[in-house]
Amino acid sequence: MVVVHLSAECFPLAKVGGLGDVVGALPKYQQELGVTSIVVTPYYDRKFAHDNEFEVIFESNVRMGDRDLPFQVLKETTDKLGFHLHLIRIPGLLDRSEVYSYADETEQFIAFQLAFLEWLLRFSEYPDIVHCHDHHTALVPYLMAHAFKYRFLSTIPTVLTIHNGQYQGWFGWDKFHYLPETDPLTRGVLDWGGAINPLAAAVKSCWKFTTVSPTYLEELKQSSKGLESLFLQEEKKGSGILNGIDTDVWNPGTDSLIPLNYSMDNVTKGKQENKRALCKEFGFTLSKPLFAFIGRLVGEKGADLLPAAIEKILSAARSKASILILGSGDPAIEEQLAQLKETYKKDYNIYIGYDEALSHRIYAGADFLLMPSRVEPCGLNQLYALKYGTIPVVRSTGGLKDSVIDVTEPEGYGICFDELSAESIVEAIGRAVDLYANTSNLRLLRKRMMLLDFSWNRSANQYIDLYNSLK
């Protein structure tokens, strides 16, 4: 079986969030299971592209409206990532340093998809599956099904994975001329609410779609920025498959980015020594439970609730916790969180930005991971935390609900809460502080978490089963 994964991100070439982690891992595990995995992304002017060997395997031009765009397809020559990585480069559009936030982002990703389809037409043998990830690639299923130019591709099964349904790629009908000619009767497939909605078009056009957790599949029917009725209508095409993690990268026993490697057998010592180093780095007291938040500082992640919750916890006469934040996002939230540092410097610190090595040190050294998310389609951070024996404190939504069981339940190992408020975060942290005081129970929970299997092997097999159902 040959599967082409089409994505805007792929770790370690370009990663902004969980999409990059998934596309950098799932194809590798599928390859190990006997699937020939081809990943296609835009070219980015970044370290990975500079430091590795690529060869040009295809060159052509593609028409986008009144523009004739020359493009190249580059292949990484060693397959060092465990799959076949291909980059599409278009001067001025697909040769930039950043992934998102350009004024012409719509043109950027339409050009990427059109160039991919132009190349796909020239394949000596078509792949068995074209697997598209998120709205940046979501026009591909529609064009393969309905564009006259790509009619020969219509028999190739298409799968769409929705990593975050809040982002749908809307653009106006004034840009419809960018697309190749299609049957006028199918233009309604593109339309949603008077605009072109790539995500909606893909859900209508693809053979199957998946979400990154079973609970998120159900949540989209209740809240998906206007697409609720569509997900209800197309529910027979949908499957929820929980993401996994790459245990070659995320493994405390082999992780070269943490001060001391450890396993389930010596988790207490391992966590303590990694915590000692982290506390020294950020000025914390070793004896207090250390809570961490890693992620985007945006409302979607519940980060706007953190300033009030942190003040409530740390303003007590005798603070019983330390809190460390790693992330960036909304400037107003960043400023609020940064201002707290002067007031609570003994028990609070923040690193605004993102540092991959620091994130590994935090997972290894923190006692608890905070995830008070409003929306969390899957979440990978809680899975990393579980692997490192760090107890997740989560709001029960999306993939967090599917992967974290509260300690009050049989075989539970996390702290869960339902209400979205600063008060609920404070209450959950209070429960965690009490849990931390019970040393023997803490050791048991850490071992229980580290025994869990959230590797990609399970999820990769579920995707392969889905592909086989389309043959």
Protein backbone atom coordinates (compact mmCIF):
# COMPACT_ATOMS: atom_id res chain seq x y z
CA MET A 1 0.00 0.00 0.00
CA VAL A 2 1.24 3.49 -0.90
CA VAL A 3 -0.14 6.43 1.08
CA VAL A 4 0.58 10.11 0.39
CA HIS A 5 0.22 12.41 3.40
CA LEU A 6 -0.34 16.04 2.43
CA SER A 7 0.23 18.63 5.18
CA ALA A 8 1.31 22.20 5.92
CA GLU A 9 3.53 20.97 8.79
CA CYS A 10 5.85 18.07 9.49
CA PHE A 11 8.30 17.76 12.39
CA PRO A 12 11.25 18.37 12.29
CA LEU A 13 11.00 20.38 9.04
CA ALA A 14 8.31 22.75 10.29
CA LYS A 15 6.19 22.48 13.43
CA VAL A 16 3.76 25.01 14.87
CA GLY A 17 1.56 22.65 16.85
CA GLY A 18 0.29 19.09 17.13
CA LEU A 19 -0.26 18.80 13.38
CA GLY A 20 3.51 18.86 12.86
CA ASP A 21 4.08 16.18 15.49
CA VAL A 22 1.42 13.90 14.02
CA VAL A 23 2.61 14.15 10.41
CA GLY A 24 6.19 13.67 11.59
CA ALA A 25 5.31 10.44 13.40
CA LEU A 26 2.27 8.64 11.95
CA PRO A 27 3.89 8.01 8.52
CA LYS A 28 7.00 6.59 10.20
CA TYR A 29 4.99 4.07 12.18
CA GLN A 30 2.92 3.18 9.12
CA GLN A 31 6.14 2.61 7.20
CA GLU A 32 7.28 0.20 9.91
CA LEU A 33 3.98 -1.65 9.47
CA GLY A 34 4.62 -2.17 5.76
CA VAL A 35 2.95 0.92 4.26
CA THR A 36 4.99 3.03 1.84
CA SER A 37 4.50 6.49 3.35
CA ILE A 38 5.12 9.64 1.32
CA VAL A 39 4.85 13.01 3.09
CA VAL A 40 4.43 16.14 0.98
CA THR A 41 4.73 19.62 2.52
CA PRO A 42 5.63 23.10 1.33
CA TYR A 43 9.32 24.00 1.25
CA TYR A 44 10.33 26.19 4.20
CA ASP A 45 13.50 28.25 4.43
CA ARG A 46 14.50 26.62 7.70
CA LYS A 47 17.33 24.71 9.32
CA PHE A 48 16.15 21.22 8.34
CA ALA A 49 15.92 22.13 4.67
CA HIS A 50 19.39 23.68 4.79
CA ASP A 51 21.12 20.91 6.75
CA ASN A 52 19.89 17.92 4.75
CA GLU A 53 20.36 16.66 1.21
CA PHE A 54 17.53 17.10 -1.29
CA GLU A 55 17.29 16.34 -4.98
CA VAL A 56 14.88 17.86 -7.49
CA ILE A 57 12.72 15.02 -8.84
CA PHE A 58 10.09 17.00 -10.72
CA GLU A 59 9.71 20.46 -12.25
CA SER A 60 6.74 22.01 -13.98
CA ASN A 61 4.34 24.96 -13.99
CA VAL A 62 0.84 25.27 -12.62
CA ARG A 63 -1.82 27.84 -13.39
CA MET A 64 -3.47 29.72 -10.49
CA GLY A 65 -5.90 32.28 -11.89
CA ASP A 66 -3.90 34.57 -14.15
CA ARG A 67 -0.56 33.47 -12.67
CA ASP A 68 1.69 30.82 -14.16
CA LEU A 69 3.67 29.38 -11.25
CA PRO A 70 6.89 27.42 -11.75
CA PHE A 71 7.47 24.79 -9.06
CA GLN A 72 9.89 22.07 -8.05
CA VAL A 73 9.39 18.89 -6.05
CA LEU A 74 12.39 18.07 -3.86
CA LYS A 75 12.98 14.70 -2.20
CA GLU A 76 15.06 14.18 0.93
CA THR A 77 17.64 11.67 -0.29
CA THR A 78 18.28 9.51 2.80
CA ASP A 79 14.74 8.90 4.13
CA LYS A 80 16.27 9.60 7.55
CA LEU A 81 12.87 10.41 9.06
CA GLY A 82 11.61 6.88 8.44
CA PHE A 83 9.41 7.89 5.49
CA HIS A 84 9.78 9.58 2.11
CA LEU A 85 9.74 13.37 2.56
CA HIS A 86 8.98 15.61 -0.43
CA LEU A 87 8.87 19.41 -0.47
CA ILE A 88 7.14 21.63 -3.02
CA ARG A 89 8.94 24.90 -3.71
CA ILE A 90 7.37 27.87 -5.51
CA PRO A 91 9.39 31.11 -5.63
CA GLY A 92 7.70 33.80 -3.55
CA LEU A 93 5.02 31.51 -2.13
CA LEU A 94 6.50 28.23 -0.95
CA ASP A 95 10.03 29.22 0.01
CA ARG A 96 9.37 31.21 3.18
CA SER A 97 10.63 30.84 6.74
CA GLU A 98 7.28 30.81 8.54
CA VAL A 99 4.37 28.44 8.06
CA TYR A 100 1.44 30.78 8.65
CA SER A 101 0.35 34.42 9.11
CA TYR A 102 1.16 35.80 5.68
CA ALA A 103 -1.31 38.20 4.05
CA ASP A 104 -1.57 35.89 1.03
CA GLU A 105 -1.94 32.66 3.01
CA THR A 106 -4.93 31.63 0.90
CA GLU A 107 -2.84 31.88 -2.28
CA GLN A 108 0.05 30.13 -0.54
CA PHE A 109 -1.91 26.98 0.25
CA ILE A 110 -4.00 26.93 -2.93
CA ALA A 111 -0.75 27.03 -4.91
CA PHE A 112 0.64 24.18 -2.79
CA GLN A 113 -2.40 22.00 -3.49
CA LEU A 114 -2.50 22.76 -7.21
CA ALA A 115 1.21 22.00 -7.59
CA PHE A 116 0.75 18.72 -5.73
CA LEU A 117 -2.09 17.66 -8.03
CA GLU A 118 -0.08 18.65 -11.11
CA TRP A 119 2.73 16.39 -9.89
CA LEU A 120 0.31 13.59 -8.91
CA LEU A 121 -1.01 13.48 -12.47
CA ARG A 122 2.49 12.53 -13.61
CA PHE A 123 2.97 9.62 -11.19
CA SER A 124 3.85 6.42 -13.04
CA GLU A 125 1.59 4.59 -10.57
CA TYR A 126 -1.03 6.38 -8.53
CA PRO A 127 -0.95 5.93 -4.73
CA ASP A 128 -3.56 3.81 -2.99
CA ILE A 129 -4.62 6.65 -0.68
CA VAL A 130 -4.24 10.44 -0.58
CA HIS A 131 -4.44 11.46 3.09
CA CYS A 132 -5.04 15.20 3.63
CA HIS A 133 -4.47 16.97 6.93
CA ASP A 134 -6.54 20.01 7.96
CA HIS A 135 -7.93 22.84 5.83
CA HIS A 136 -4.59 23.75 4.21
CA THR A 137 -4.93 20.64 2.02
CA ALA A 138 -8.71 20.30 2.07
CA LEU A 139 -9.38 21.46 -1.49
CA VAL A 140 -7.59 18.38 -2.81
CA PRO A 141 -10.48 15.91 -2.25
CA TYR A 142 -12.89 18.33 -3.95
CA LEU A 143 -10.59 18.93 -6.93
CA MET A 144 -9.78 15.25 -7.35
CA ALA A 145 -13.50 14.50 -7.43
CA HIS A 146 -14.80 17.41 -9.51
CA ALA A 147 -12.13 19.28 -11.51
CA PHE A 148 -12.07 18.33 -15.21
CA LYS A 149 -8.27 18.57 -15.26
CA TYR A 150 -7.91 15.98 -12.51
CA ARG A 151 -10.64 13.55 -13.58
CA PHE A 152 -8.09 10.73 -13.84
CA LEU A 153 -7.45 11.08 -10.09
CA SER A 154 -11.09 10.66 -9.07
CA THR A 155 -10.72 6.93 -8.42
CA ILE A 156 -8.00 7.44 -5.77
CA PRO A 157 -9.56 7.24 -2.29
CA THR A 158 -9.12 10.41 -0.23
CA VAL A 159 -9.01 10.63 3.57
CA LEU A 160 -9.20 13.87 5.53
CA THR A 161 -7.97 14.17 9.11
CA ILE A 162 -9.33 17.12 11.08
CA HIS A 163 -6.78 18.17 13.66
CA ASN A 164 -8.69 21.32 14.61
CA GLY A 165 -12.11 22.08 13.16
CA GLN A 166 -12.07 25.65 14.44
CA TYR A 167 -9.85 26.58 11.48
CA GLN A 168 -11.60 26.01 8.16
CA GLY A 169 -9.70 28.12 5.61
CA TRP A 170 -12.62 30.32 4.46
CA PHE A 171 -12.09 32.68 1.53
CA GLY A 172 -14.34 34.70 -0.77
CA TRP A 173 -15.80 33.75 -4.11
CA ASP A 174 -13.67 36.49 -5.66
CA LYS A 175 -10.81 33.95 -5.48
CA PHE A 176 -12.76 31.11 -7.08
CA HIS A 177 -10.93 31.78 -10.37
CA TYR A 178 -7.74 30.44 -8.74
CA LEU A 179 -9.19 26.94 -9.08
CA PRO A 180 -9.27 24.90 -12.29
CA GLU A 181 -12.54 24.44 -14.15
CA THR A 182 -15.14 22.24 -12.50
CA ASP A 183 -18.70 21.20 -13.30
CA PRO A 184 -20.84 24.24 -12.34
CA LEU A 185 -23.29 21.89 -10.62
CA THR A 186 -20.63 20.99 -8.04
CA ARG A 187 -19.85 24.54 -6.94
CA GLY A 188 -22.30 24.18 -4.08
CA VAL A 189 -19.89 21.65 -2.59
CA LEU A 190 -17.43 24.52 -2.00
CA ASP A 191 -19.99 26.88 -0.51
CA TRP A 192 -20.83 27.29 3.13
CA GLY A 193 -22.52 30.42 4.37
CA GLY A 194 -21.80 32.36 1.22
CA ALA A 195 -18.04 31.75 1.23
CA ILE A 196 -15.73 29.03 -0.02
CA ASN A 197 -15.04 26.74 2.92
CA PRO A 198 -12.27 24.23 2.15
CA LEU A 199 -12.85 22.13 5.27
CA ALA A 200 -16.55 21.79 4.51
CA ALA A 201 -15.80 20.95 0.88
CA ALA A 202 -13.41 18.20 1.97
CA VAL A 203 -15.89 16.67 4.41
CA LYS A 204 -18.42 16.53 1.57
CA SER A 205 -15.94 15.25 -1.04
CA CYS A 206 -13.55 12.88 0.73
CA TRP A 207 -14.19 9.16 0.96
CA LYS A 208 -13.67 9.12 4.75
CA PHE A 209 -12.74 11.69 7.37
CA THR A 210 -11.24 11.24 10.80
CA THR A 211 -10.84 13.34 13.90
CA VAL A 212 -7.91 13.03 16.30
CA SER A 213 -10.01 11.58 19.12
CA PRO A 214 -13.39 9.83 19.41
CA THR A 215 -14.85 12.48 21.74
CA TYR A 216 -13.86 15.30 19.38
CA LEU A 217 -15.81 13.61 16.59
CA GLU A 218 -18.94 13.93 18.73
CA GLU A 219 -18.11 17.46 19.86
CA LEU A 220 -17.91 18.70 16.25
CA LYS A 221 -21.60 17.85 15.89
CA GLN A 222 -22.31 20.26 18.74
CA SER A 223 -19.72 23.01 18.18
CA SER A 224 -17.73 23.50 14.97
CA LYS A 225 -18.11 27.15 13.97
CA GLY A 226 -21.17 26.62 11.83
CA LEU A 227 -20.48 23.12 10.46
CA GLU A 228 -22.51 21.25 13.08
CA SER A 229 -25.24 20.20 10.63
CA LEU A 230 -22.63 19.04 8.11
CA PHE A 231 -20.93 16.75 10.62
CA LEU A 232 -24.32 15.32 11.58
CA GLN A 233 -25.19 14.80 7.91
CA GLU A 234 -21.86 13.12 7.08
CA GLU A 235 -21.41 11.21 10.35
CA LYS A 236 -21.30 7.81 8.63
CA LYS A 237 -18.06 8.87 6.91
CA GLY A 238 -16.40 9.87 10.19
CA SER A 239 -14.12 8.00 12.59
CA GLY A 240 -12.37 9.16 15.74
CA ILE A 241 -8.82 7.86 16.07
CA LEU A 242 -6.83 9.05 19.08
CA ASN A 243 -3.39 10.39 18.22
CA GLY A 244 -0.30 8.65 19.51
CA ILE A 245 3.16 9.87 20.43
CA ASP A 246 6.53 9.07 18.92
CA THR A 247 8.23 7.07 21.66
CA ASP A 248 11.55 7.31 19.83
CA VAL A 249 11.47 11.04 20.60
CA TRP A 250 9.43 11.07 23.82
CA ASN A 251 10.97 8.48 26.13
CA PRO A 252 12.52 9.39 29.50
CA GLY A 253 14.72 6.31 29.31
CA THR A 254 16.56 7.53 26.19
CA ASP A 255 15.80 11.27 25.99
CA SER A 256 19.09 13.12 25.39
CA LEU A 257 17.48 16.48 26.23
CA ILE A 258 16.89 15.79 29.95
CA PRO A 259 19.50 15.84 32.76
CA LEU A 260 18.92 12.25 33.94
CA ASN A 261 17.31 9.37 32.08
CA TYR A 262 14.91 7.19 34.03
CA SER A 263 12.32 4.45 33.64
CA MET A 264 9.34 3.15 35.57
CA ASP A 265 11.72 1.22 37.85
CA ASN A 266 13.51 4.34 39.12
CA VAL A 267 10.87 6.97 38.45
CA THR A 268 11.00 8.51 41.93
CA LYS A 269 14.73 9.21 41.75
CA GLY A 270 14.56 10.18 38.08
CA LYS A 271 11.77 12.69 38.60
CA GLN A 272 13.48 14.14 41.67
CA GLU A 273 16.80 14.74 39.92
CA ASN A 274 15.19 16.27 36.86
CA LYS A 275 13.05 18.44 39.12
CA ARG A 276 16.12 19.52 41.06
CA ALA A 277 17.75 20.77 37.85
CA LEU A 278 14.55 22.52 36.71
CA CYS A 279 14.07 24.21 40.09
CA LYS A 280 17.66 25.46 40.01
CA GLU A 281 17.14 26.79 36.47
CA PHE A 282 13.98 28.74 37.39
CA GLY A 283 14.50 29.53 41.08
CA PHE A 284 11.91 27.23 42.64
CA THR A 285 11.83 25.41 45.98
CA LEU A 286 12.39 21.69 45.44
CA SER A 287 9.99 20.57 48.18
CA LYS A 288 6.87 22.17 46.65
CA PRO A 289 4.85 20.43 43.92
CA LEU A 290 5.75 21.93 40.54
CA PHE A 291 2.94 22.62 38.06
CA ALA A 292 3.67 23.41 34.41
CA PHE A 293 1.72 24.74 31.46
CA ILE A 294 3.17 24.14 27.98
CA GLY A 295 1.38 25.48 24.94
CA ARG A 296 -0.15 28.38 23.10
CA LEU A 297 -1.25 31.25 25.34
CA VAL A 298 -4.69 31.61 23.77
CA GLY A 299 -8.30 31.27 24.88
CA GLU A 300 -8.65 27.91 23.12
CA LYS A 301 -6.15 26.49 25.61
CA GLY A 302 -7.80 28.20 28.59
CA ALA A 303 -4.70 30.36 29.02
CA ASP A 304 -6.82 33.48 29.66
CA LEU A 305 -7.95 31.85 32.92
CA LEU A 306 -4.43 31.26 34.17
CA PRO A 307 -3.59 34.76 35.53
CA ALA A 308 -6.56 34.78 37.92
CA ALA A 309 -5.99 31.15 38.93
CA ILE A 310 -2.27 31.69 39.54
CA GLU A 311 -2.90 34.78 41.68
CA LYS A 312 -5.46 32.88 43.75
CA ILE A 313 -3.04 30.01 44.35
CA LEU A 314 0.14 31.97 44.98
CA SER A 315 -1.32 34.87 46.97
CA ALA A 316 -2.15 32.59 49.90
CA ALA A 317 -0.21 33.32 53.07
CA ARG A 318 1.83 30.16 52.58
CA SER A 319 1.85 29.12 48.95
CA LYS A 320 1.94 25.36 48.56
CA ALA A 321 2.91 25.15 44.87
CA SER A 322 5.29 26.40 42.19
CA ILE A 323 4.09 27.19 38.65
CA LEU A 324 6.07 27.36 35.39
CA ILE A 325 4.69 28.56 32.05
CA LEU A 326 6.21 27.84 28.63
CA GLY A 327 4.40 29.30 25.63
CA SER A 328 3.42 32.27 23.52
CA GLY A 329 0.30 33.60 21.86
CA ASP A 330 -2.13 36.38 22.66
CA PRO A 331 -0.04 39.47 23.59
CA ALA A 332 -2.55 40.50 26.28
CA ILE A 333 -2.34 37.09 27.97
CA GLU A 334 1.45 37.11 27.64
CA GLU A 335 1.61 40.49 29.37
CA GLN A 336 -0.69 39.47 32.21
CA LEU A 337 1.31 36.32 32.86
CA ALA A 338 4.65 38.15 32.60
CA GLN A 339 3.55 40.76 35.15
CA LEU A 340 2.96 38.05 37.75
CA LYS A 341 6.65 37.18 37.75
CA GLU A 342 7.68 40.19 39.85
CA THR A 343 4.99 39.59 42.45
CA TYR A 344 5.51 35.85 42.88
CA LYS A 345 9.15 35.40 41.87
CA LYS A 346 9.82 32.61 44.39
CA ASP A 347 7.00 30.38 43.17
CA TYR A 348 6.34 31.46 39.59
CA ASN A 349 8.25 31.83 36.35
CA ILE A 350 7.50 32.11 32.65
CA TYR A 351 9.36 31.58 29.38
CA ILE A 352 7.56 33.39 26.57
CA GLY A 353 8.27 31.62 23.30
CA TYR A 354 8.89 27.97 22.58
CA ASP A 355 11.97 25.87 23.24
CA GLU A 356 11.82 22.18 22.30
CA ALA A 357 14.64 21.15 24.65
CA LEU A 358 13.10 23.07 27.55
CA SER A 359 9.76 21.35 26.98
CA HIS A 360 11.47 17.98 27.44
CA ARG A 361 13.12 19.17 30.67
CA ILE A 362 9.75 20.37 31.95
CA TYR A 363 7.96 17.10 31.21
CA ALA A 364 10.73 15.25 33.05
CA GLY A 365 11.00 17.67 35.99
CA ALA A 366 7.45 18.88 36.66
CA ASP A 367 5.12 17.00 38.99
CA PHE A 368 1.89 18.08 37.26
CA LEU A 369 0.91 19.37 33.80
CA LEU A 370 -1.93 21.90 33.52
CA MET A 371 -4.30 21.70 30.52
CA PRO A 372 -7.46 23.77 31.22
CA SER A 373 -8.49 23.70 27.55
CA ARG A 374 -11.71 25.10 26.09
CA VAL A 375 -11.11 23.03 22.96
CA GLU A 376 -8.66 20.12 22.70
CA PRO A 377 -9.26 17.91 19.65
CA CYS A 378 -6.71 15.40 20.92
CA GLY A 379 -3.88 16.97 22.85
CA LEU A 380 -0.42 15.49 22.79
CA ASN A 381 0.99 17.24 25.85
CA GLN A 382 -0.96 15.05 28.27
CA LEU A 383 0.37 11.96 26.45
CA TYR A 384 3.95 13.21 26.75
CA ALA A 385 3.33 13.93 30.44
CA LEU A 386 2.00 10.42 31.06
CA LYS A 387 5.08 8.91 29.42
CA TYR A 388 7.31 10.97 31.74
CA GLY A 389 5.35 10.19 34.92
CA THR A 390 3.96 13.73 35.16
CA ILE A 391 0.35 13.79 36.33
CA PRO A 392 -2.00 15.66 33.97
CA VAL A 393 -4.50 18.15 35.43
CA VAL A 394 -7.05 18.56 32.64
CA ARG A 395 -10.46 19.82 31.72
CA SER A 396 -12.45 16.85 30.40
CA THR A 397 -12.94 17.76 26.77
CA GLY A 398 -11.98 16.19 23.42
CA GLY A 399 -8.96 13.95 23.55
CA LEU A 400 -8.28 14.87 27.18
CA LYS A 401 -11.50 13.09 28.09
CA ASP A 402 -10.43 10.06 26.05
CA SER A 403 -6.93 9.78 27.51
CA VAL A 404 -7.03 10.92 31.16
CA ILE A 405 -8.97 9.10 33.91
CA ASP A 406 -9.50 10.86 37.23
CA VAL A 407 -7.76 9.40 40.27
CA THR A 408 -11.13 8.83 41.94
CA GLU A 409 -12.01 6.26 39.25
CA PRO A 410 -10.72 2.66 39.17
CA GLU A 411 -7.24 2.63 37.61
CA GLY A 412 -7.34 6.43 37.40
CA TYR A 413 -4.17 8.49 37.20
CA GLY A 414 -5.06 12.15 36.54
CA ILE A 415 -6.92 15.15 37.94
CA CYS A 416 -9.98 16.02 35.84
CA PHE A 417 -12.54 18.82 36.03
CA ASP A 418 -15.51 19.82 33.88
CA GLU A 419 -16.27 23.48 34.52
CA LEU A 420 -14.31 26.08 32.55
CA SER A 421 -13.31 28.67 35.15
CA ALA A 422 -10.38 29.95 37.17
CA GLU A 423 -12.06 28.57 40.28
CA SER A 424 -12.13 25.06 38.80
CA ILE A 425 -8.43 25.29 38.00
CA VAL A 426 -7.70 26.38 41.58
CA GLU A 427 -9.77 23.54 42.97
CA ALA A 428 -8.03 20.99 40.71
CA ILE A 429 -4.61 22.26 41.75
CA GLY A 430 -5.70 21.97 45.38
CA ARG A 431 -6.58 18.32 44.78
CA ALA A 432 -3.19 17.80 43.14
CA VAL A 433 -1.36 19.40 46.09
CA ASP A 434 -3.10 16.98 48.45
CA LEU A 435 -2.20 14.09 46.17
CA TYR A 436 1.44 15.17 46.12
CA ALA A 437 1.60 14.87 49.91
CA ASN A 438 0.82 11.14 49.70
CA THR A 439 4.23 9.85 48.62
CA SER A 440 3.35 6.18 48.23
CA ASN A 441 0.23 6.94 46.18
CA LEU A 442 2.21 9.34 44.00
CA ARG A 443 4.77 6.63 43.23
CA LEU A 444 1.98 4.18 42.34
CA LEU A 445 0.30 6.68 40.00
CA ARG A 446 3.55 7.50 38.21
CA LYS A 447 4.21 3.84 37.51
CA ARG A 448 0.61 3.31 36.39
CA MET A 449 0.89 6.19 33.91
CA MET A 450 4.20 5.04 32.49
CA LEU A 451 2.74 1.60 31.78
CA LEU A 452 0.09 3.06 29.48
CA ASP A 453 0.56 2.57 25.75
CA PHE A 454 -0.17 5.73 23.79
CA SER A 455 2.39 4.98 21.10
CA TRP A 456 1.58 5.41 17.42
CA ASN A 457 1.54 1.63 16.86
CA ARG A 458 -2.09 1.35 17.98
CA SER A 459 -3.30 4.40 16.06
CA ALA A 460 -1.27 3.60 12.93
CA ASN A 461 -2.97 0.21 12.71
CA GLN A 462 -6.38 1.86 13.03
CA TYR A 463 -5.57 4.14 10.09
CA ILE A 464 -4.39 1.18 8.03
CA ASP A 465 -7.67 -0.61 8.77
CA LEU A 466 -9.50 2.50 7.56
CA TYR A 467 -7.44 2.58 4.34
CA ASN A 468 -8.14 -1.11 3.70
CA SER A 469 -11.87 -0.47 4.01
CA LEU A 470 -11.65 1.87 1.00
CA LYS A 471 -10.07 -0.62 -1.39
